[in-house]
Protein backbone atom coordinates (compact mmCIF):
# COMPACT_ATOMS: atom_id res chain seq x y z
CA UNK A 1 -7.00 44.00 -38.84
CA UNK A 2 -3.89 43.47 -40.56
CA UNK A 3 -2.24 46.13 -39.24
CA UNK A 4 -2.72 45.47 -35.88
CA UNK A 5 -2.25 41.98 -35.86
CA UNK A 6 -5.87 40.94 -35.20
CA UNK A 7 -7.16 37.56 -36.21
CA UNK A 8 -10.35 37.81 -37.16
CA UNK A 9 -13.05 35.39 -35.49
CA UNK A 10 -16.50 36.22 -36.01
CA UNK A 11 -17.47 34.65 -40.14
CA UNK A 12 -18.03 37.21 -42.73
CA UNK A 13 -21.64 37.42 -43.75
CA UNK A 14 -22.19 35.61 -47.08
CA UNK A 15 -23.16 38.44 -48.98
CA UNK A 16 -19.73 40.16 -48.54
CA UNK A 17 -17.22 39.97 -51.56
CA UNK A 18 -14.00 39.77 -49.58
CA UNK A 19 -13.95 37.01 -47.67
CA UNK A 20 -11.43 36.47 -44.68
CA UNK A 21 -10.80 33.02 -43.65
CA UNK A 22 -11.30 32.29 -39.85
CA UNK A 23 -10.27 29.87 -37.52
CA UNK A 24 -13.13 27.28 -36.80
CA UNK A 25 -11.90 26.30 -33.21
CA UNK A 26 -11.26 29.69 -32.22
CA UNK A 27 -14.86 30.79 -33.14
CA UNK A 28 -16.22 27.59 -31.14
CA UNK A 29 -14.46 28.54 -27.95
CA UNK A 30 -15.31 32.26 -28.31
CA UNK A 31 -18.83 31.47 -28.79
CA UNK A 32 -18.50 28.72 -25.12
CA UNK A 33 -17.18 31.84 -23.64
CA UNK A 34 -19.73 34.28 -24.95
CA UNK A 35 -22.92 32.03 -24.27
CA UNK A 36 -21.27 31.14 -20.40
CA UNK A 37 -21.14 34.96 -19.70
CA UNK A 38 -24.98 35.04 -21.15
CA UNK A 39 -25.85 32.56 -18.49
CA UNK A 40 -23.77 33.87 -15.70
CA UNK A 41 -26.11 37.47 -16.60
CA UNK A 42 -28.99 35.89 -16.28
CA UNK A 43 -28.26 35.79 -12.60
CA UNK A 44 -29.79 39.03 -11.55
CA UNK A 45 -27.20 39.64 -8.95
CA UNK A 46 -24.01 39.38 -10.93
CA UNK A 47 -25.68 41.54 -13.68
CA UNK A 48 -26.74 44.31 -12.03
CA UNK A 49 -23.71 43.52 -9.20
CA UNK A 50 -25.17 44.62 -5.96
CA UNK A 51 -21.96 43.66 -3.88
CA UNK A 52 -19.69 46.36 -2.93
CA UNK A 53 -16.40 44.31 -2.80
CA UNK A 54 -14.38 42.37 -5.58
CA UNK A 55 -14.25 39.73 -3.12
CA UNK A 56 -17.80 39.12 -2.52
CA UNK A 57 -18.63 40.08 -6.31
CA UNK A 58 -16.58 37.18 -7.39
CA UNK A 59 -17.52 34.32 -4.73
CA UNK A 60 -21.23 35.05 -6.26
CA UNK A 61 -19.81 34.62 -9.58
CA UNK A 62 -18.54 31.18 -8.34
CA UNK A 63 -21.49 30.09 -6.92
CA UNK A 64 -23.17 30.92 -9.80
CA UNK A 65 -20.83 29.02 -11.75
CA UNK A 66 -20.99 26.29 -9.73
CA UNK A 67 -25.29 26.37 -9.99
CA UNK A 68 -24.67 26.32 -14.40
CA UNK A 69 -22.30 23.18 -14.15
CA UNK A 70 -24.68 21.43 -11.11
CA UNK A 71 -27.48 21.73 -14.10
CA UNK A 72 -25.32 20.99 -17.19
CA UNK A 73 -24.64 17.81 -15.34
CA UNK A 74 -28.06 16.64 -14.38
CA UNK A 75 -29.08 16.93 -18.13
């Protein structure tokens, strides 16, 4: 990872002898993005990509994102 200038984001397992420091803020952001993608993929139409054109696919992602956002606001 050092040769390619890659920053570790996922924490190492506790039993590893060689520990690498991670950026906790970057890990939280990565986790947030992964959870968002997981929720988007719960919409079957997004996961299987029924839409033929990129415009209609991105439009449905927008609609699904708005639904998730409204659901989040109502809780």
